Structure formats: C-alpha cells, structure tokens
N, C-alpha and C. Protein backbone atom coordinates (compact mmCIF):
# COMPACT_ATOMS: atom_id res chain seq x y z
N MET A 1 132.08 135.11 60.60
CA MET A 1 132.62 135.55 61.38
C MET A 1 134.19 135.81 61.20
N ASP A 2 134.55 136.97 61.43
CA ASP A 2 136.21 137.36 61.14
C ASP A 2 136.82 137.07 62.67
N SER A 3 138.19 137.20 62.59
CA SER A 3 138.96 136.89 63.77
C SER A 3 138.72 138.07 64.64
N SER A 4 138.43 139.25 64.51
CA SER A 4 138.26 140.15 66.01
C SER A 4 136.80 139.76 66.58
N ASP A 5 135.99 139.33 65.81
CA ASP A 5 134.86 138.92 66.60
C ASP A 5 134.86 137.63 67.46
N MET A 6 135.98 136.67 66.74
CA MET A 6 136.31 135.62 67.53
C MET A 6 137.05 135.95 68.94
N ILE A 7 138.15 136.98 68.58
CA ILE A 7 138.87 137.28 69.88
C ILE A 7 137.70 138.19 70.99
N LYS A 8 136.85 138.80 70.52
CA LYS A 8 135.88 139.57 71.35
C LYS A 8 135.29 138.42 72.29
N TYR A 9 134.70 137.48 71.45
CA TYR A 9 133.96 136.45 72.20
C TYR A 9 134.54 135.61 72.94
N MET A 10 135.90 135.30 72.76
CA MET A 10 136.83 134.58 73.72
C MET A 10 137.01 135.45 74.96
N ILE A 11 137.22 136.58 74.81
CA ILE A 11 137.42 137.74 75.93
C ILE A 11 136.29 137.63 76.75
N ILE A 12 135.03 138.02 76.22
CA ILE A 12 133.91 137.67 76.91
C ILE A 12 133.76 136.45 77.79
N PHE A 13 134.03 135.41 77.12
CA PHE A 13 133.85 133.88 77.71
C PHE A 13 134.86 134.04 79.17
N CYS A 14 136.18 134.28 78.67
CA CYS A 14 137.11 134.35 79.62
C CYS A 14 136.72 135.11 81.08
N VAL A 15 136.13 136.43 80.85
CA VAL A 15 135.66 137.43 81.89
C VAL A 15 134.65 136.71 82.48
N ALA A 16 133.81 136.24 81.75
CA ALA A 16 132.33 135.75 82.43
C ALA A 16 132.78 134.28 83.37
N PHE A 17 133.82 133.53 82.78
CA PHE A 17 134.16 132.44 83.59
C PHE A 17 135.17 132.89 84.97
N MET A 18 135.85 133.88 84.73
CA MET A 18 136.55 134.29 85.74
C MET A 18 135.59 134.86 86.99
N LEU A 19 134.61 135.62 86.48
CA LEU A 19 133.73 136.25 87.65
C LEU A 19 132.75 135.19 88.04
N ILE A 20 132.35 133.97 87.44
CA ILE A 20 131.49 132.84 88.19
C ILE A 20 132.82 132.20 89.01
N LEU A 21 134.04 132.04 88.90
CA LEU A 21 135.06 131.65 89.90
C LEU A 21 135.13 132.25 90.69
N ALA A 22 135.21 133.71 90.98
CA ALA A 22 135.42 134.75 91.93
C ALA A 22 134.21 134.72 92.78
N MET A 23 132.80 134.43 92.06
CA MET A 23 131.54 134.48 93.00
C MET A 23 131.24 133.22 93.51
N GLN A 24 132.01 132.11 93.22
CA GLN A 24 131.49 130.77 93.52
C GLN A 24 131.71 130.81 95.24
N LYS A 25 132.48 131.06 95.79
CA LYS A 25 132.68 130.91 97.53
C LYS A 25 131.27 131.81 97.98
N PRO A 26 131.26 133.32 97.59
CA PRO A 26 130.23 134.03 98.36
C PRO A 26 128.99 133.40 98.00
N LEU A 27 128.59 132.90 96.67
CA LEU A 27 127.37 132.29 96.37
C LEU A 27 127.16 131.02 97.40
N THR A 28 128.27 130.28 97.42
CA THR A 28 127.84 129.01 98.20
C THR A 28 127.59 129.49 99.82
N TYR A 29 128.27 130.63 100.10
CA TYR A 29 127.65 131.01 101.52
C TYR A 29 126.48 131.59 101.74
N MET A 30 126.17 132.37 100.67
CA MET A 30 124.74 132.90 100.50
C MET A 30 123.67 131.74 100.32
N LEU A 31 123.85 130.67 99.70
CA LEU A 31 123.04 129.65 99.74
C LEU A 31 122.93 128.94 100.96
N LYS A 32 123.99 128.78 101.52
CA LYS A 32 124.01 128.04 102.85
C LYS A 32 123.16 128.59 103.91
N VAL A 33 123.38 130.21 104.09
CA VAL A 33 122.69 130.74 105.08
C VAL A 33 121.05 130.65 104.59
N THR A 34 120.84 130.66 103.24
CA THR A 34 119.41 130.54 103.15
C THR A 34 118.77 129.39 103.36
N ILE A 35 119.59 128.18 103.11
CA ILE A 35 119.15 126.72 103.38
C ILE A 35 118.96 126.63 104.90
N ASN A 36 119.73 127.09 105.70
CA ASN A 36 119.67 127.39 107.19
C ASN A 36 118.80 127.94 107.90
N GLY A 37 118.44 129.29 107.01
CA GLY A 37 117.25 130.06 107.34
C GLY A 37 116.00 129.41 107.09
N LEU A 38 115.83 128.58 106.03
CA LEU A 38 114.57 127.91 106.04
C LEU A 38 114.26 126.77 106.82
N PHE A 39 115.35 125.97 107.19
CA PHE A 39 115.37 124.94 107.99
C PHE A 39 114.96 125.49 109.47
N GLY A 40 115.61 126.69 109.78
CA GLY A 40 115.22 127.34 111.27
C GLY A 40 114.14 127.71 111.14
N ALA A 41 113.53 128.35 110.22
CA ALA A 41 112.04 128.96 110.22
C ALA A 41 111.17 127.69 110.49
N LEU A 42 111.46 126.62 109.73
CA LEU A 42 110.56 125.20 110.00
C LEU A 42 110.89 124.90 111.32
N GLY A 43 111.83 124.84 111.91
CA GLY A 43 112.11 124.49 113.37
C GLY A 43 111.40 125.52 114.24
N MET A 44 111.51 126.48 114.15
CA MET A 44 110.81 127.86 114.97
C MET A 44 109.40 127.55 115.03
N PHE A 45 108.70 127.18 113.80
CA PHE A 45 107.23 126.68 113.57
C PHE A 45 106.91 125.49 114.48
N ILE A 46 107.79 124.61 114.32
CA ILE A 46 107.68 123.29 115.18
C ILE A 46 107.92 123.50 116.69
N ALA A 47 108.85 124.40 116.88
CA ALA A 47 109.25 124.55 118.48
C ALA A 47 107.98 125.49 119.09
N ASN A 48 107.50 126.54 118.10
CA ASN A 48 106.38 127.35 118.82
C ASN A 48 105.17 126.62 118.76
N SER A 49 105.05 125.45 118.21
CA SER A 49 103.66 124.55 118.24
C SER A 49 103.71 124.10 119.57
N LEU A 50 105.16 123.04 119.66
CA LEU A 50 105.32 122.67 120.94
C LEU A 50 105.29 123.18 122.37
N LEU A 51 105.88 124.52 122.10
CA LEU A 51 105.79 125.33 123.28
C LEU A 51 104.91 126.29 123.60
N ALA A 52 103.78 126.25 122.72
CA ALA A 52 102.58 127.14 123.31
C ALA A 52 102.12 126.90 124.28
N GLY A 53 102.03 125.91 125.13
CA GLY A 53 101.47 125.73 126.19
C GLY A 53 102.22 126.31 127.48
N LEU A 54 103.61 126.41 127.14
CA LEU A 54 104.35 127.30 128.16
C LEU A 54 104.36 128.80 127.86
N ASN A 55 103.53 129.09 126.86
CA ASN A 55 103.57 130.63 126.68
C ASN A 55 104.94 130.90 126.16
N LEU A 56 105.64 130.16 125.44
CA LEU A 56 107.18 130.63 124.98
C LEU A 56 106.98 130.53 123.45
N PHE A 57 106.98 131.81 122.81
CA PHE A 57 106.70 131.94 121.39
C PHE A 57 107.74 132.71 121.00
N VAL A 58 108.43 132.46 119.71
CA VAL A 58 109.44 133.47 118.95
C VAL A 58 108.77 133.96 117.89
N GLY A 59 108.65 135.00 117.42
CA GLY A 59 107.98 135.52 116.12
C GLY A 59 108.86 134.96 115.17
N ILE A 60 108.32 134.62 113.83
CA ILE A 60 108.88 134.13 112.83
C ILE A 60 109.06 135.29 111.82
N ASN A 61 110.07 136.21 111.61
CA ASN A 61 109.94 137.16 110.68
C ASN A 61 111.22 137.27 109.96
N PHE A 62 111.87 137.92 109.24
CA PHE A 62 112.97 138.26 108.28
C PHE A 62 114.27 138.08 109.30
N LEU A 63 113.94 138.88 110.73
CA LEU A 63 115.29 139.05 111.35
C LEU A 63 115.50 137.72 112.11
N THR A 64 114.74 137.02 112.61
CA THR A 64 114.84 135.94 113.13
C THR A 64 115.35 134.86 112.21
N ILE A 65 114.72 134.80 110.94
CA ILE A 65 115.23 133.76 110.07
C ILE A 65 116.58 134.05 109.98
N PHE A 66 116.78 135.35 109.37
CA PHE A 66 118.29 135.64 109.38
C PHE A 66 119.21 135.19 110.42
N ALA A 67 119.05 135.61 111.63
CA ALA A 67 119.95 135.02 112.83
C ALA A 67 120.16 133.66 112.79
N VAL A 68 118.86 132.78 112.73
CA VAL A 68 118.98 131.47 112.78
C VAL A 68 119.89 130.91 111.51
N GLY A 69 119.71 131.51 110.40
CA GLY A 69 120.47 131.37 109.22
C GLY A 69 121.85 131.36 109.33
N LEU A 70 122.09 132.59 109.72
CA LEU A 70 123.68 132.89 110.03
C LEU A 70 124.26 132.06 111.14
N LEU A 71 123.53 131.82 112.25
CA LEU A 71 124.32 131.35 113.53
C LEU A 71 124.17 129.85 113.52
N GLY A 72 123.09 129.36 113.01
CA GLY A 72 122.82 127.97 113.06
C GLY A 72 121.83 127.85 114.20
N LEU A 73 122.15 126.44 114.73
CA LEU A 73 121.75 126.03 115.99
C LEU A 73 121.70 126.97 117.32
N PRO A 74 123.16 127.65 117.51
CA PRO A 74 123.02 128.09 118.48
C PRO A 74 122.17 129.63 118.45
N GLY A 75 122.05 130.05 117.23
CA GLY A 75 121.19 131.10 117.12
C GLY A 75 119.66 130.72 117.29
N PHE A 76 119.29 129.64 116.94
CA PHE A 76 117.74 129.08 117.30
C PHE A 76 117.62 129.12 118.88
N ILE A 77 118.65 128.35 119.59
CA ILE A 77 118.55 128.31 120.95
C ILE A 77 118.67 129.81 121.55
N SER A 78 119.38 130.46 121.26
CA SER A 78 119.59 131.99 121.65
C SER A 78 118.17 132.64 121.61
N LEU A 79 117.74 132.50 120.43
CA LEU A 79 116.24 133.28 120.50
C LEU A 79 115.34 132.82 121.53
N TYR A 80 115.26 131.56 121.74
CA TYR A 80 114.31 131.17 122.81
C TYR A 80 114.72 131.32 124.30
N ILE A 81 116.04 131.26 124.63
CA ILE A 81 116.60 131.86 125.72
C ILE A 81 116.22 133.24 125.96
N ILE A 82 116.53 133.94 125.00
CA ILE A 82 116.24 135.63 125.13
C ILE A 82 114.83 135.82 125.42
N ASN A 83 114.16 135.01 124.63
CA ASN A 83 112.63 135.25 124.77
C ASN A 83 112.16 134.68 126.13
N PHE A 84 112.69 133.90 126.58
CA PHE A 84 112.30 132.96 128.29
C PHE A 84 112.81 134.23 129.14
N MET A 85 114.01 134.86 128.96
CA MET A 85 114.57 135.73 129.95
C MET A 85 113.68 137.19 130.05
N LEU A 86 113.21 137.54 128.70
CA LEU A 86 112.47 138.66 128.71
C LEU A 86 111.06 138.54 129.44
N LYS A 87 110.59 137.43 129.35
CA LYS A 87 109.11 137.16 129.94
C LYS A 87 109.09 137.22 131.50
C-alpha cells in the first residue's frame, strides 16, 4: 500500500466518522419515536381490551402508532378522547 492509498483511506474514514457524528442526534430521535410507538401500540392494545365493554376502541394502525410515538402519553390520551367525542 503506497501513501496515496493510505491518504485516500484516511479521508474516507474521516468523512464516515463526521457523517456518523452528524446523524447521531436524528438517529437517536428516530429511535426514541420508534420505541415510544411500540410501547404506545402495546398500550392501545391493552386499553382496547379493557375498554371493550364501554365500546371505546381506537384502531391500531400506522397513523395512530406514529401519533403516539411522536406525542407520547398526551397523544395516547388524545386518541381516546377524540374517539369518545366522535361517538
């Protein structure tokens, strides 16, 4: 390996390292929204099971999971309040 190859690999490594550092915050945020969405879907499943007797049911789909993942507990409660008001 000559010096030009070594310099080329060092530049590639530095650019890759800078991209990882630049994408760290957005990736962390996306991971947080995904985890909140998964827990929100589980919470909606449990809430739908418990509130079935009251005929209060929120559909579990991509939009509701995204809303709960993005907004958290207030989004979860909002979905059930909106559903209650529309019935």
